[in-house]
């Protein structure tokens, strides 16, 4: 491995302390978001779970408290598919500063028909990308109040093979759920890279990092009842897949490292070490499409028009 991509030793089982820090994890009630919240809670930080389902959020916070003695974890209601609700949601977080946010929440539909948010946007693009885009605008004052806050955007390996069509971001021409999902995650990743570029240009103390979880399956994920229950049969059937992919607890590792590791820098991309699919987190070369600042700027401007906000309007 070249020195350009070498990193200091990092042990996913022995995370550095983060006492006094405050972290927000969107979609923290299940899947990768839950495990990111659980792992961050073990560092002594205060962790806020953003969830659109209060009952599931309560189950998640109870699970974390049962596994992490003294965990400082709570939840707020967050609906990324309703842009008008986000300013009020941020006010309800009730903190003076935010040291990091993990933009993890997402919708993944498997079957037609095409669905829309309350704002009239295609559901996956509107939630996964536009929701986090707008949320960042309202979080920015809290992020600026921290000494060196980080915005960590959770992309997807599924985005690597996709390309965005700026003339059909809403998938009106040819809706295919899996493709639309991949494109929504690619849009998120463009956002994360472009956000850091704009923050750097403004001389901001906030940085933006993009991560992806590789291949993360429920069947390889340890049980956290009632949040997630893995049967013995599911574990045995999934055993061969463990050679290539991993569970969602490991899928959270790149995001957790992006929050905690002082060696991580803005504008970087982090994912699993082995073929980008499994293993401990490492820095990756930014995927070629994401390195196009002209395209990213056009997507940014379009996103501003669609949401009515600019995340870097307050960035100094």
Protein backbone atom coordinates (compact mmCIF):
# COMPACT_ATOMS: atom_id res chain seq x y z
CA UNK A 1 0.00 0.00 0.00
CA UNK A 2 1.35 3.41 -0.93
CA UNK A 3 2.16 5.94 1.77
CA UNK A 4 -0.57 8.17 0.34
CA UNK A 5 -3.19 5.78 1.66
CA UNK A 6 -1.43 4.50 4.79
CA UNK A 7 -3.20 5.22 8.06
CA UNK A 8 -2.34 5.04 11.76
CA UNK A 9 -3.23 1.82 13.61
CA UNK A 10 -6.95 1.56 14.31
CA UNK A 11 -8.70 -1.05 16.41
CA UNK A 12 -12.46 -1.29 15.88
CA UNK A 13 -12.74 -3.07 19.23
CA UNK A 14 -10.87 -0.37 21.18
CA UNK A 15 -12.22 3.00 20.17
CA UNK A 16 -10.79 6.24 21.58
CA UNK A 17 -12.75 8.03 24.28
CA UNK A 18 -15.01 10.87 23.22
CA UNK A 19 -16.32 12.09 26.56
CA UNK A 20 -18.07 15.44 26.25
CA UNK A 21 -18.76 15.03 22.52
CA UNK A 22 -22.26 15.02 21.03
CA UNK A 23 -23.08 12.93 17.96
CA UNK A 24 -26.27 12.60 15.90
CA UNK A 25 -26.99 9.45 13.88
CA UNK A 26 -29.88 9.62 11.45
CA UNK A 27 -31.69 6.32 11.12
CA UNK A 28 -30.09 5.24 14.38
CA UNK A 29 -32.90 2.90 15.35
CA UNK A 30 -31.92 -0.02 13.09
CA UNK A 31 -29.27 -1.56 10.87
CA UNK A 32 -25.95 0.19 10.37
CA UNK A 33 -27.20 3.32 12.10
CA UNK A 34 -28.03 1.38 15.24
CA UNK A 35 -24.58 -0.20 15.42
CA UNK A 36 -22.88 3.14 14.77
CA UNK A 37 -24.84 4.59 17.69
CA UNK A 38 -24.03 1.63 19.93
CA UNK A 39 -20.31 1.83 19.15
CA UNK A 40 -20.18 5.60 19.61
CA UNK A 41 -22.08 5.34 22.91
CA UNK A 42 -19.29 3.14 24.26
CA UNK A 43 -16.83 6.05 23.86
CA UNK A 44 -18.57 8.16 26.51
CA UNK A 45 -20.11 10.56 23.99
CA UNK A 46 -23.72 11.67 24.11
CA UNK A 47 -25.50 10.09 21.12
CA UNK A 48 -28.79 11.23 19.63
CA UNK A 49 -30.74 8.85 17.40
CA UNK A 50 -32.80 10.44 14.65
CA UNK A 51 -35.76 8.23 13.79
CA UNK A 52 -39.16 8.66 12.19
CA UNK A 53 -40.58 5.85 14.36
CA UNK A 54 -40.64 6.70 18.10
CA UNK A 55 -41.38 3.10 19.19
CA UNK A 56 -38.42 1.71 17.25
CA UNK A 57 -36.22 4.52 18.54
CA UNK A 58 -37.15 3.68 22.12
CA UNK A 59 -36.35 0.00 21.54
CA UNK A 60 -32.98 0.98 20.11
CA UNK A 61 -32.08 3.28 22.99
CA UNK A 62 -33.10 0.58 25.50
CA UNK A 63 -30.92 -1.96 23.69
CA UNK A 64 -27.90 0.36 23.72
CA UNK A 65 -28.37 1.15 27.41
CA UNK A 66 -28.55 -2.57 28.19
CA UNK A 67 -25.27 -3.25 26.39
CA UNK A 68 -23.34 -0.07 27.21
CA UNK A 69 -23.30 0.78 30.95
CA UNK A 70 -23.85 4.48 31.48
CA UNK A 71 -24.71 5.12 27.83
CA UNK A 72 -25.84 8.68 27.21
CA UNK A 73 -28.27 8.01 24.38
CA UNK A 74 -31.65 9.43 23.49
CA UNK A 75 -33.76 9.96 20.38
CA UNK A 76 -35.53 12.68 18.42
CA UNK A 77 -38.24 12.26 15.82
CA UNK A 78 -36.77 12.83 12.36
CA UNK A 79 -38.64 12.53 9.06
CA UNK A 80 -36.29 13.27 6.17
CA UNK A 81 -39.17 12.85 3.72
CA UNK A 82 -40.80 16.02 5.11
CA UNK A 83 -38.46 18.93 4.46
CA UNK A 84 -40.66 21.44 6.28
CA UNK A 85 -40.23 19.51 9.55
CA UNK A 86 -36.43 19.55 9.68
CA UNK A 87 -35.85 22.97 11.24
CA UNK A 88 -38.16 22.06 14.14
CA UNK A 89 -36.46 18.68 14.49
CA UNK A 90 -33.06 20.32 14.87
CA UNK A 91 -34.46 22.66 17.51
CA UNK A 92 -35.71 19.61 19.45
CA UNK A 93 -32.21 18.10 19.58
CA UNK A 94 -31.65 20.49 22.47
CA UNK A 95 -27.86 20.81 22.40
CA UNK A 96 -25.57 23.80 22.12
CA UNK A 97 -23.18 22.13 19.72
CA UNK A 98 -22.83 19.01 17.60
CA UNK A 99 -19.42 17.38 17.12
CA UNK A 100 -20.53 15.08 14.31
CA UNK A 101 -23.55 13.88 12.39
CA UNK A 102 -23.74 10.59 10.52
CA UNK A 103 -26.13 10.93 7.59
CA UNK A 104 -27.17 7.29 7.58
CA UNK A 105 -30.97 7.09 7.36
CA UNK A 106 -32.35 5.84 4.10
CA UNK A 107 -35.22 4.29 2.22
CA UNK A 108 -34.66 1.31 -0.08
CA UNK A 109 -37.66 0.10 -2.06
CA UNK A 110 -37.57 -3.28 -3.79
CA UNK A 111 -40.70 -3.11 -5.92
CA UNK A 112 -42.71 -0.60 -7.93
CA UNK A 113 -44.77 1.52 -7.91
CA UNK A 114 -42.82 4.75 -7.70
CA UNK A 115 -43.59 6.68 -4.50
CA UNK A 116 -43.17 10.31 -3.50
CA UNK A 117 -42.45 12.32 -0.36
CA UNK A 118 -44.91 14.87 1.00
CA UNK A 119 -42.93 17.46 -0.96
CA UNK A 120 -43.51 15.61 -4.25
CA UNK A 121 -40.01 14.19 -4.67
CA UNK A 122 -39.30 10.56 -5.59
CA UNK A 123 -39.17 8.86 -2.20
CA UNK A 124 -35.62 7.46 -2.20
CA UNK A 125 -33.98 10.49 -3.81
CA UNK A 126 -36.08 12.84 -1.68
CA UNK A 127 -35.28 11.06 1.59
CA UNK A 128 -31.75 9.78 1.15
CA UNK A 129 -30.28 12.81 -0.61
CA UNK A 130 -32.54 15.85 -0.39
CA UNK A 131 -33.53 15.18 3.21
CA UNK A 132 -29.93 15.04 4.40
CA UNK A 133 -29.01 17.98 2.16
CA UNK A 134 -31.65 20.16 3.85
CA UNK A 135 -30.98 18.77 7.33
CA UNK A 136 -27.35 19.89 7.06
CA UNK A 137 -28.49 23.47 6.56
CA UNK A 138 -30.34 23.46 9.88
CA UNK A 139 -27.57 21.59 11.69
CA UNK A 140 -24.84 23.93 10.51
CA UNK A 141 -25.06 26.41 13.44
CA UNK A 142 -24.64 23.50 15.90
CA UNK A 143 -21.75 22.08 13.88
CA UNK A 144 -20.04 25.47 13.75
CA UNK A 145 -20.35 25.75 17.53
CA UNK A 146 -18.06 22.71 17.93
CA UNK A 147 -14.27 23.08 17.64
CA UNK A 148 -13.93 20.83 14.58
CA UNK A 149 -17.20 19.11 13.67
CA UNK A 150 -17.61 16.44 11.02
CA UNK A 151 -20.43 15.62 8.63
CA UNK A 152 -20.18 11.94 7.74
CA UNK A 153 -22.29 10.85 4.78
CA UNK A 154 -23.11 7.16 4.39
CA UNK A 155 -22.97 6.16 0.74
CA UNK A 156 -23.34 2.67 -0.69
CA UNK A 157 -21.27 0.24 -2.72
CA UNK A 158 -24.40 -0.02 -4.89
CA UNK A 159 -23.73 3.54 -6.04
CA UNK A 160 -20.38 2.66 -7.59
CA UNK A 161 -21.89 1.28 -10.79
CA UNK A 162 -24.51 4.02 -11.18
CA UNK A 163 -24.48 7.38 -12.95
CA UNK A 164 -26.74 10.33 -12.29
CA UNK A 165 -28.94 11.94 -14.91
CA UNK A 166 -29.43 15.57 -13.93
CA UNK A 167 -32.44 15.71 -16.24
CA UNK A 168 -34.14 12.81 -14.45
CA UNK A 169 -33.13 12.95 -10.78
CA UNK A 170 -36.72 12.12 -9.84
CA UNK A 171 -36.75 8.90 -11.93
CA UNK A 172 -39.78 9.96 -13.93
CA UNK A 173 -38.60 8.47 -17.24
CA UNK A 174 -37.78 4.89 -16.33
CA UNK A 175 -38.29 4.01 -12.67
CA UNK A 176 -36.40 0.94 -11.47
CA UNK A 177 -36.27 0.68 -7.65
CA UNK A 178 -32.77 -0.79 -7.26
CA UNK A 179 -31.27 1.61 -9.78
CA UNK A 180 -33.08 4.58 -8.24
CA UNK A 181 -31.77 3.59 -4.82
CA UNK A 182 -28.19 3.36 -6.09
CA UNK A 183 -28.51 6.76 -7.72
CA UNK A 184 -29.95 8.33 -4.57
CA UNK A 185 -26.90 7.09 -2.63
CA UNK A 186 -24.58 8.34 -5.35
CA UNK A 187 -26.22 11.77 -5.05
CA UNK A 188 -25.54 11.64 -1.30
CA UNK A 189 -21.89 10.87 -1.95
CA UNK A 190 -21.57 13.74 -4.42
CA UNK A 191 -23.08 15.94 -1.72
CA UNK A 192 -20.54 14.83 0.88
CA UNK A 193 -17.57 15.54 -1.39
CA UNK A 194 -18.93 18.86 -2.66
CA UNK A 195 -19.88 19.94 0.88
CA UNK A 196 -16.27 19.59 1.99
CA UNK A 197 -15.06 21.50 -1.07
CA UNK A 198 -17.35 24.40 -0.23
CA UNK A 199 -16.53 24.32 3.47
CA UNK A 200 -12.82 24.50 2.66
CA UNK A 201 -13.39 27.43 0.32
CA UNK A 202 -15.25 29.24 3.11
CA UNK A 203 -12.48 28.54 5.65
CA UNK A 204 -14.94 26.62 7.84
CA UNK A 205 -14.00 24.56 10.86
CA UNK A 206 -16.49 21.88 9.76
CA UNK A 207 -15.31 19.04 7.52
CA UNK A 208 -17.21 16.50 5.45
CA UNK A 209 -16.26 12.84 4.96
CA UNK A 210 -17.91 10.18 2.78
CA UNK A 211 -18.06 6.52 3.81
CA UNK A 212 -19.70 3.33 2.61
CA UNK A 213 -20.37 0.05 4.47
CA UNK A 214 -19.37 -2.42 1.77
CA UNK A 215 -21.61 -5.48 1.68
CA UNK A 216 -23.60 -5.55 4.93
CA UNK A 217 -26.22 -8.28 5.42
CA UNK A 218 -28.79 -8.78 8.18
CA UNK A 219 -28.01 -12.51 8.18
CA UNK A 220 -24.41 -11.79 9.22
CA UNK A 221 -25.40 -9.25 11.85
CA UNK A 222 -25.36 -10.22 15.54
CA UNK A 223 -28.72 -10.16 17.30
CA UNK A 224 -29.87 -7.13 19.24
CA UNK A 225 -33.42 -8.05 20.24
CA UNK A 226 -35.88 -6.56 19.66
CA UNK A 227 -34.01 -4.29 17.22
CA UNK A 228 -32.64 -7.22 15.24
CA UNK A 229 -33.00 -10.96 15.78
CA UNK A 230 -30.84 -13.39 13.80
CA UNK A 231 -31.97 -17.02 13.82
CA UNK A 232 -29.55 -19.93 13.89
CA UNK A 233 -30.81 -21.01 10.48
CA UNK A 234 -30.16 -17.60 8.96
CA UNK A 235 -26.67 -17.54 10.43
CA UNK A 236 -25.81 -20.96 9.01
CA UNK A 237 -27.23 -20.19 5.57
CA UNK A 238 -25.24 -16.96 5.42
CA UNK A 239 -21.92 -18.51 6.50
CA UNK A 240 -20.50 -18.87 2.95
CA UNK A 241 -21.30 -15.20 2.23
CA UNK A 242 -19.04 -14.16 5.11
CA UNK A 243 -16.07 -14.79 2.82
CA UNK A 244 -17.12 -11.79 0.74
CA UNK A 245 -19.36 -9.55 2.85
CA UNK A 246 -20.11 -8.78 6.50
CA UNK A 247 -22.77 -7.86 9.02
CA UNK A 248 -24.17 -4.41 9.68
CA UNK A 249 -22.17 -4.09 12.89
CA UNK A 250 -19.03 -4.11 10.72
CA UNK A 251 -20.73 -1.95 8.08
CA UNK A 252 -20.80 0.79 10.73
CA UNK A 253 -17.02 0.77 11.22
CA UNK A 254 -16.09 3.24 8.43
CA UNK A 255 -18.59 5.80 9.71
CA UNK A 256 -17.45 5.41 13.31
CA UNK A 257 -13.83 5.85 12.28
CA UNK A 258 -14.73 8.91 10.22
CA UNK A 259 -16.28 10.44 13.34
CA UNK A 260 -13.51 9.58 15.81
CA UNK A 261 -10.15 9.23 14.07
CA UNK A 262 -8.10 12.46 14.07
CA UNK A 263 -6.21 11.14 11.02
CA UNK A 264 -9.36 11.30 8.88
CA UNK A 265 -9.55 14.41 6.70
CA UNK A 266 -12.35 16.19 4.92
CA UNK A 267 -13.08 15.17 1.35
CA UNK A 268 -11.90 11.60 1.89
CA UNK A 269 -13.73 8.35 1.15
CA UNK A 270 -13.59 5.45 3.61
CA UNK A 271 -14.85 1.88 3.25
CA UNK A 272 -14.04 -1.73 4.20
CA UNK A 273 -10.49 -2.92 3.66
CA UNK A 274 -11.08 -6.12 1.63
CA UNK A 275 -12.23 -5.33 -1.93
CA UNK A 276 -14.35 -2.53 -0.50
CA UNK A 277 -16.80 -5.17 0.72
CA UNK A 278 -15.68 -6.38 4.14
CA UNK A 279 -13.10 -5.87 6.86
CA UNK A 280 -11.77 -3.01 8.93
CA UNK A 281 -12.12 0.53 7.60
CA UNK A 282 -9.53 2.10 5.34
CA UNK A 283 -9.23 5.12 3.12
CA UNK A 284 -10.14 4.56 -0.53
CA UNK A 285 -9.36 6.55 -3.62
CA UNK A 286 -12.35 8.79 -4.35
CA UNK A 287 -14.39 7.10 -7.07
CA UNK A 288 -13.90 8.73 -10.48
CA UNK A 289 -17.42 10.15 -10.93
CA UNK A 290 -17.25 11.81 -7.51
CA UNK A 291 -14.08 13.63 -8.48
CA UNK A 292 -15.89 15.77 -11.08
CA UNK A 293 -16.38 19.17 -9.38
CA UNK A 294 -18.37 20.59 -12.28
CA UNK A 295 -21.02 17.87 -12.09
CA UNK A 296 -21.10 18.03 -8.30
CA UNK A 297 -21.65 21.79 -8.44
CA UNK A 298 -24.57 21.36 -10.85
CA UNK A 299 -26.15 18.74 -8.60
CA UNK A 300 -25.63 21.07 -5.62
CA UNK A 301 -27.39 23.95 -7.37
CA UNK A 302 -30.28 21.70 -8.39
CA UNK A 303 -30.57 20.40 -4.82
CA UNK A 304 -30.70 23.98 -3.52
CA UNK A 305 -33.56 24.68 -5.93
CA UNK A 306 -35.45 21.52 -4.93
CA UNK A 307 -35.10 22.05 -1.16
CA UNK A 308 -35.10 25.83 -0.97
CA UNK A 309 -31.99 25.86 1.24
CA UNK A 310 -28.20 25.96 0.89
CA UNK A 311 -26.30 23.94 3.53
CA UNK A 312 -23.32 26.29 3.35
CA UNK A 313 -25.27 29.53 3.55
CA UNK A 314 -23.92 29.63 7.12
CA UNK A 315 -20.44 28.09 7.00
CA UNK A 316 -17.90 30.50 8.44
